[in-house]
Amino acid sequence: MREHTERLKMFKQFFPEYADKKVVGAVAGIVIDEGVDKFAYREGLFLIGQSGESVKIINDKKFKPKIW
């Protein structure tokens, strides 16, 4: 998971065409391991989980995404 946030930090270096854009991150899973949700929340990542036949963002209303 930490590797994912490190890649987000370097995103604009590899894709300079997005230098003037806001970049947010997310993690997704059908089964989310214990603790991953808390880690993602603390790191400012959206958490996407299964909801029936679809998926949904499961962060609460107080969540503030980190902008890279």
PDB file of N, CA and C in Angstrom:
ATOM      1  N   MET A   1       0.825  -1.182   0.000  1.00  0.00           N
ATOM      2  CA  MET A   1       0.000   0.000   0.000  1.00  0.00           C
ATOM      3  C   MET A   1       0.874   1.253   0.000  1.00  0.00           C
ATOM      4  N   ARG A   2       1.943   1.220   0.751  1.00  0.00           N
ATOM      5  CA  ARG A   2       2.838   2.368   0.804  1.00  0.00           C
ATOM      6  C   ARG A   2       3.427   2.646  -0.579  1.00  0.00           C
ATOM      7  N   GLU A   3       3.663   1.582  -1.354  1.00  0.00           N
ATOM      8  CA  GLU A   3       4.175   1.744  -2.722  1.00  0.00           C
ATOM      9  C   GLU A   3       3.194   2.556  -3.575  1.00  0.00           C
ATOM     10  N   HIS A   4       1.924   2.353  -3.342  1.00  0.00           N
ATOM     11  CA  HIS A   4       0.895   3.063  -4.098  1.00  0.00           C
ATOM     12  C   HIS A   4       0.988   4.570  -3.839  1.00  0.00           C
ATOM     13  N   THR A   5       1.129   4.962  -2.584  1.00  0.00           N
ATOM     14  CA  THR A   5       1.228   6.385  -2.270  1.00  0.00           C
ATOM     15  C   THR A   5       2.538   6.964  -2.802  1.00  0.00           C
ATOM     16  N   GLU A   6       3.603   6.168  -2.826  1.00  0.00           N
ATOM     17  CA  GLU A   6       4.867   6.651  -3.403  1.00  0.00           C
ATOM     18  C   GLU A   6       4.712   6.896  -4.905  1.00  0.00           C
ATOM     19  N   ARG A   7       3.989   6.033  -5.592  1.00  0.00           N
ATOM     20  CA  ARG A   7       3.742   6.240  -7.030  1.00  0.00           C
ATOM     21  C   ARG A   7       2.908   7.495  -7.263  1.00  0.00           C
ATOM     22  N   LEU A   8       1.946   7.746  -6.402  1.00  0.00           N
ATOM     23  CA  LEU A   8       1.130   8.959  -6.534  1.00  0.00           C
ATOM     24  C   LEU A   8       1.984  10.214  -6.393  1.00  0.00           C
ATOM     25  N   LYS A   9       2.982  10.170  -5.494  1.00  0.00           N
ATOM     26  CA  LYS A   9       3.874  11.313  -5.310  1.00  0.00           C
ATOM     27  C   LYS A   9       4.656  11.619  -6.587  1.00  0.00           C
ATOM     28  N   MET A  10       4.959  10.598  -7.371  1.00  0.00           N
ATOM     29  CA  MET A  10       5.778  10.759  -8.574  1.00  0.00           C
ATOM     30  C   MET A  10       4.943  10.885  -9.856  1.00  0.00           C
ATOM     31  N   PHE A  11       3.632  10.812  -9.744  1.00  0.00           N
ATOM     32  CA  PHE A  11       2.747  10.781 -10.909  1.00  0.00           C
ATOM     33  C   PHE A  11       3.013  11.920 -11.886  1.00  0.00           C
ATOM     34  N   LYS A  12       3.091  13.149 -11.388  1.00  0.00           N
ATOM     35  CA  LYS A  12       3.246  14.305 -12.273  1.00  0.00           C
ATOM     36  C   LYS A  12       4.624  14.371 -12.925  1.00  0.00           C
ATOM     37  N   GLN A  13       5.621  13.733 -12.308  1.00  0.00           N
ATOM     38  CA  GLN A  13       6.939  13.646 -12.939  1.00  0.00           C
ATOM     39  C   GLN A  13       6.862  12.774 -14.192  1.00  0.00           C
ATOM     40  N   PHE A  14       6.124  11.691 -14.114  1.00  0.00           N
ATOM     41  CA  PHE A  14       6.004  10.763 -15.233  1.00  0.00           C
ATOM     42  C   PHE A  14       4.968  11.206 -16.261  1.00  0.00           C
ATOM     43  N   PHE A  15       4.005  12.013 -15.828  1.00  0.00           N
ATOM     44  CA  PHE A  15       2.952  12.498 -16.717  1.00  0.00           C
ATOM     45  C   PHE A  15       2.853  14.017 -16.601  1.00  0.00           C
ATOM     46  N   PRO A  16       3.845  14.736 -17.145  1.00  0.00           N
ATOM     47  CA  PRO A  16       3.871  16.193 -16.988  1.00  0.00           C
ATOM     48  C   PRO A  16       2.667  16.908 -17.587  1.00  0.00           C
ATOM     49  N   GLU A  17       1.944  16.248 -18.483  1.00  0.00           N
ATOM     50  CA  GLU A  17       0.747  16.873 -19.050  1.00  0.00           C
ATOM     51  C   GLU A  17      -0.342  17.098 -17.999  1.00  0.00           C
ATOM     52  N   TYR A  18      -0.185  16.467 -16.832  1.00  0.00           N
ATOM     53  CA  TYR A  18      -1.136  16.642 -15.731  1.00  0.00           C
ATOM     54  C   TYR A  18      -0.592  17.560 -14.637  1.00  0.00           C
ATOM     55  N   ALA A  19       0.489  18.254 -14.921  1.00  0.00           N
ATOM     56  CA  ALA A  19       1.151  19.096 -13.917  1.00  0.00           C
ATOM     57  C   ALA A  19       0.223  20.141 -13.318  1.00  0.00           C
ATOM     58  N   ASP A  20      -0.721  20.638 -14.084  1.00  0.00           N
ATOM     59  CA  ASP A  20      -1.627  21.673 -13.581  1.00  0.00           C
ATOM     60  C   ASP A  20      -2.966  21.115 -13.091  1.00  0.00           C
ATOM     61  N   LYS A  21      -3.045  19.802 -12.957  1.00  0.00           N
ATOM     62  CA  LYS A  21      -4.288  19.141 -12.525  1.00  0.00           C
ATOM     63  C   LYS A  21      -4.180  18.690 -11.075  1.00  0.00           C
ATOM     64  N   LYS A  22      -5.316  18.578 -10.426  1.00  0.00           N
ATOM     65  CA  LYS A  22      -5.369  17.982  -9.090  1.00  0.00           C
ATOM     66  C   LYS A  22      -5.443  16.475  -9.258  1.00  0.00           C
ATOM     67  N   VAL A  23      -4.615  15.761  -8.537  1.00  0.00           N
ATOM     68  CA  VAL A  23      -4.599  14.298  -8.605  1.00  0.00           C
ATOM     69  C   VAL A  23      -4.987  13.756  -7.244  1.00  0.00           C
ATOM     70  N   VAL A  24      -5.960  12.850  -7.226  1.00  0.00           N
ATOM     71  CA  VAL A  24      -6.361  12.169  -5.994  1.00  0.00           C
ATOM     72  C   VAL A  24      -6.137  10.672  -6.195  1.00  0.00           C
ATOM     73  N   GLY A  25      -6.005   9.953  -5.107  1.00  0.00           N
ATOM     74  CA  GLY A  25      -5.758   8.519  -5.184  1.00  0.00           C
ATOM     75  C   GLY A  25      -6.893   7.711  -4.598  1.00  0.00           C
ATOM     76  N   ALA A  26      -6.890   6.440  -4.944  1.00  0.00           N
ATOM     77  CA  ALA A  26      -7.914   5.524  -4.435  1.00  0.00           C
ATOM     78  C   ALA A  26      -7.349   4.119  -4.371  1.00  0.00           C
ATOM     79  N   VAL A  27      -7.933   3.316  -3.524  1.00  0.00           N
ATOM     80  CA  VAL A  27      -7.684   1.882  -3.493  1.00  0.00           C
ATOM     81  C   VAL A  27      -9.034   1.189  -3.588  1.00  0.00           C
ATOM     82  N   ALA A  28      -9.043   0.034  -4.204  1.00  0.00           N
ATOM     83  CA  ALA A  28     -10.297  -0.694  -4.404  1.00  0.00           C
ATOM     84  C   ALA A  28     -10.080  -2.169  -4.132  1.00  0.00           C
ATOM     85  N   GLY A  29     -11.143  -2.814  -3.696  1.00  0.00           N
ATOM     86  CA  GLY A  29     -11.064  -4.245  -3.487  1.00  0.00           C
ATOM     87  C   GLY A  29     -12.431  -4.850  -3.250  1.00  0.00           C
ATOM     88  N   ILE A  30     -12.543  -6.109  -3.610  1.00  0.00           N
ATOM     89  CA  ILE A  30     -13.773  -6.853  -3.329  1.00  0.00           C
ATOM     90  C   ILE A  30     -13.779  -7.221  -1.855  1.00  0.00           C
ATOM     91  N   VAL A  31     -12.647  -7.709  -1.374  1.00  0.00           N
ATOM     92  CA  VAL A  31     -12.455  -7.979   0.045  1.00  0.00           C
ATOM     93  C   VAL A  31     -11.331  -7.056   0.504  1.00  0.00           C
ATOM     94  N   ILE A  32     -11.586  -6.248   1.501  1.00  0.00           N
ATOM     95  CA  ILE A  32     -10.602  -5.285   1.981  1.00  0.00           C
ATOM     96  C   ILE A  32     -10.047  -5.784   3.312  1.00  0.00           C
ATOM     97  N   ASP A  33      -8.741  -6.043   3.322  1.00  0.00           N
ATOM     98  CA  ASP A  33      -8.092  -6.569   4.528  1.00  0.00           C
ATOM     99  C   ASP A  33      -8.233  -5.607   5.698  1.00  0.00           C
ATOM    100  N   GLU A  34      -8.243  -6.174   6.886  1.00  0.00           N
ATOM    101  CA  GLU A  34      -8.370  -5.378   8.102  1.00  0.00           C
ATOM    102  C   GLU A  34      -7.235  -4.369   8.199  1.00  0.00           C
ATOM    103  N   GLY A  35      -7.557  -3.152   8.493  1.00  0.00           N
ATOM    104  CA  GLY A  35      -6.562  -2.103   8.636  1.00  0.00           C
ATOM    105  C   GLY A  35      -6.316  -1.303   7.372  1.00  0.00           C
ATOM    106  N   VAL A  36      -6.616  -1.890   6.216  1.00  0.00           N
ATOM    107  CA  VAL A  36      -6.409  -1.182   4.951  1.00  0.00           C
ATOM    108  C   VAL A  36      -7.303   0.041   4.887  1.00  0.00           C
ATOM    109  N   ASP A  37      -8.522  -0.093   5.364  1.00  0.00           N
ATOM    110  CA  ASP A  37      -9.447   1.040   5.323  1.00  0.00           C
ATOM    111  C   ASP A  37      -8.925   2.212   6.155  1.00  0.00           C
ATOM    112  N   LYS A  38      -8.404   1.927   7.335  1.00  0.00           N
ATOM    113  CA  LYS A  38      -7.874   2.994   8.194  1.00  0.00           C
ATOM    114  C   LYS A  38      -6.628   3.623   7.582  1.00  0.00           C
ATOM    115  N   PHE A  39      -5.754   2.796   7.010  1.00  0.00           N
ATOM    116  CA  PHE A  39      -4.544   3.307   6.374  1.00  0.00           C
ATOM    117  C   PHE A  39      -4.902   4.218   5.206  1.00  0.00           C
ATOM    118  N   ALA A  40      -5.810   3.765   4.352  1.00  0.00           N
ATOM    119  CA  ALA A  40      -6.225   4.554   3.191  1.00  0.00           C
ATOM    120  C   ALA A  40      -6.817   5.884   3.646  1.00  0.00           C
ATOM    121  N   TYR A  41      -7.647   5.858   4.659  1.00  0.00           N
ATOM    122  CA  TYR A  41      -8.275   7.080   5.183  1.00  0.00           C
ATOM    123  C   TYR A  41      -7.209   8.064   5.664  1.00  0.00           C
ATOM    124  N   ARG A  42      -6.258   7.560   6.458  1.00  0.00           N
ATOM    125  CA  ARG A  42      -5.189   8.426   6.985  1.00  0.00           C
ATOM    126  C   ARG A  42      -4.322   9.006   5.872  1.00  0.00           C
ATOM    127  N   GLU A  43      -4.134   8.243   4.805  1.00  0.00           N
ATOM    128  CA  GLU A  43      -3.299   8.694   3.684  1.00  0.00           C
ATOM    129  C   GLU A  43      -4.059   9.571   2.703  1.00  0.00           C
ATOM    130  N   GLY A  44      -5.354   9.763   2.923  1.00  0.00           N
ATOM    131  CA  GLY A  44      -6.151  10.623   2.046  1.00  0.00           C
ATOM    132  C   GLY A  44      -6.594   9.950   0.760  1.00  0.00           C
ATOM    133  N   LEU A  45      -6.676   8.618   0.777  1.00  0.00           N
ATOM    134  CA  LEU A  45      -7.086   7.858  -0.401  1.00  0.00           C
ATOM    135  C   LEU A  45      -8.565   7.511  -0.335  1.00  0.00           C
ATOM    136  N   PHE A  46      -9.241   7.615  -1.466  1.00  0.00           N
ATOM    137  CA  PHE A  46     -10.605   7.110  -1.537  1.00  0.00           C
ATOM    138  C   PHE A  46     -10.556   5.596  -1.412  1.00  0.00           C
ATOM    139  N   LEU A  47     -11.539   5.019  -0.753  1.00  0.00           N
ATOM    140  CA  LEU A  47     -11.651   3.577  -0.604  1.00  0.00           C
ATOM    141  C   LEU A  47     -12.892   3.125  -1.368  1.00  0.00           C
ATOM    142  N   ILE A  48     -12.687   2.242  -2.317  1.00  0.00           N
ATOM    143  CA  ILE A  48     -13.774   1.761  -3.176  1.00  0.00           C
ATOM    144  C   ILE A  48     -13.999   0.289  -2.869  1.00  0.00           C
ATOM    145  N   GLY A  49     -15.219  -0.046  -2.481  1.00  0.00           N
ATOM    146  CA  GLY A  49     -15.536  -1.416  -2.112  1.00  0.00           C
ATOM    147  C   GLY A  49     -16.767  -1.929  -2.820  1.00  0.00           C
ATOM    148  N   GLN A  50     -16.944  -3.236  -2.751  1.00  0.00           N
ATOM    149  CA  GLN A  50     -18.076  -3.887  -3.400  1.00  0.00           C
ATOM    150  C   GLN A  50     -19.374  -3.526  -2.703  1.00  0.00           C
ATOM    151  N   SER A  51     -20.392  -3.326  -3.530  1.00  0.00           N
ATOM    152  CA  SER A  51     -21.738  -3.038  -3.035  1.00  0.00           C
ATOM    153  C   SER A  51     -22.713  -3.767  -3.951  1.00  0.00           C
ATOM    154  N   GLY A  52     -23.072  -4.966  -3.570  1.00  0.00           N
ATOM    155  CA  GLY A  52     -23.948  -5.783  -4.419  1.00  0.00           C
ATOM    156  C   GLY A  52     -23.236  -6.151  -5.706  1.00  0.00           C
ATOM    157  N   GLU A  53     -23.840  -5.831  -6.834  1.00  0.00           N
ATOM    158  CA  GLU A  53     -23.268  -6.135  -8.148  1.00  0.00           C
ATOM    159  C   GLU A  53     -22.371  -5.011  -8.661  1.00  0.00           C
ATOM    160  N   SER A  54     -22.161  -3.998  -7.850  1.00  0.00           N
ATOM    161  CA  SER A  54     -21.407  -2.822  -8.270  1.00  0.00           C
ATOM    162  C   SER A  54     -20.360  -2.480  -7.215  1.00  0.00           C
ATOM    163  N   VAL A  55     -19.792  -1.294  -7.319  1.00  0.00           N
ATOM    164  CA  VAL A  55     -18.857  -0.790  -6.318  1.00  0.00           C
ATOM    165  C   VAL A  55     -19.288   0.617  -5.919  1.00  0.00           C
ATOM    166  N   LYS A  56     -18.790   1.061  -4.762  1.00  0.00           N
ATOM    167  CA  LYS A  56     -19.090   2.417  -4.329  1.00  0.00           C
ATOM    168  C   LYS A  56     -17.935   2.937  -3.484  1.00  0.00           C
ATOM    169  N   ILE A  57     -17.844   4.252  -3.392  1.00  0.00           N
ATOM    170  CA  ILE A  57     -16.873   4.893  -2.509  1.00  0.00           C
ATOM    171  C   ILE A  57     -17.429   4.770  -1.098  1.00  0.00           C
ATOM    172  N   ILE A  58     -16.614   4.228  -0.183  1.00  0.00           N
ATOM    173  CA  ILE A  58     -17.127   3.949   1.152  1.00  0.00           C
ATOM    174  C   ILE A  58     -16.544   4.869   2.230  1.00  0.00           C
ATOM    175  N   ASN A  59     -15.859   5.931   1.831  1.00  0.00           N
ATOM    176  CA  ASN A  59     -15.379   6.910   2.804  1.00  0.00           C
ATOM    177  C   ASN A  59     -16.573   7.647   3.418  1.00  0.00           C
ATOM    178  N   ASP A  60     -16.402   8.094   4.662  1.00  0.00           N
ATOM    179  CA  ASP A  60     -17.488   8.837   5.301  1.00  0.00           C
ATOM    180  C   ASP A  60     -17.509  10.291   4.826  1.00  0.00           C
ATOM    181  N   LYS A  61     -18.500  11.024   5.259  1.00  0.00           N
ATOM    182  CA  LYS A  61     -18.703  12.410   4.800  1.00  0.00           C
ATOM    183  C   LYS A  61     -17.622  13.365   5.306  1.00  0.00           C
ATOM    184  N   LYS A  62     -16.903  12.994   6.376  1.00  0.00           N
ATOM    185  CA  LYS A  62     -15.845  13.845   6.914  1.00  0.00           C
ATOM    186  C   LYS A  62     -14.526  13.687   6.163  1.00  0.00           C
ATOM    187  N   PHE A  63     -14.442  12.694   5.285  1.00  0.00           N
ATOM    188  CA  PHE A  63     -13.199  12.403   4.565  1.00  0.00           C
ATOM    189  C   PHE A  63     -12.765  13.571   3.687  1.00  0.00           C
ATOM    190  N   LYS A  64     -11.482  13.890   3.755  1.00  0.00           N
ATOM    191  CA  LYS A  64     -10.873  14.920   2.900  1.00  0.00           C
ATOM    192  C   LYS A  64      -9.756  14.250   2.100  1.00  0.00           C
ATOM    193  N   PRO A  65      -9.931  14.126   0.779  1.00  0.00           N
ATOM    194  CA  PRO A  65      -8.879  13.475  -0.023  1.00  0.00           C
ATOM    195  C   PRO A  65      -7.601  14.307  -0.074  1.00  0.00           C
ATOM    196  N   LYS A  66      -6.482  13.625  -0.135  1.00  0.00           N
ATOM    197  CA  LYS A  66      -5.199  14.290  -0.304  1.00  0.00           C
ATOM    198  C   LYS A  66      -5.043  14.633  -1.775  1.00  0.00           C
ATOM    199  N   ILE A  67      -4.531  15.820  -2.047  1.00  0.00           N
ATOM    200  CA  ILE A  67      -4.273  16.240  -3.427  1.00  0.00           C
ATOM    201  C   ILE A  67      -2.773  16.117  -3.655  1.00  0.00           C
ATOM    202  N   TRP A  68      -2.399  15.377  -4.700  1.00  0.00           N
ATOM    203  CA  TRP A  68      -0.989  15.248  -5.063  1.00  0.00           C
ATOM    204  C   TRP A  68      -0.670  16.185  -6.193  1.00  0.00           C
TER     205      TRP A  68
END
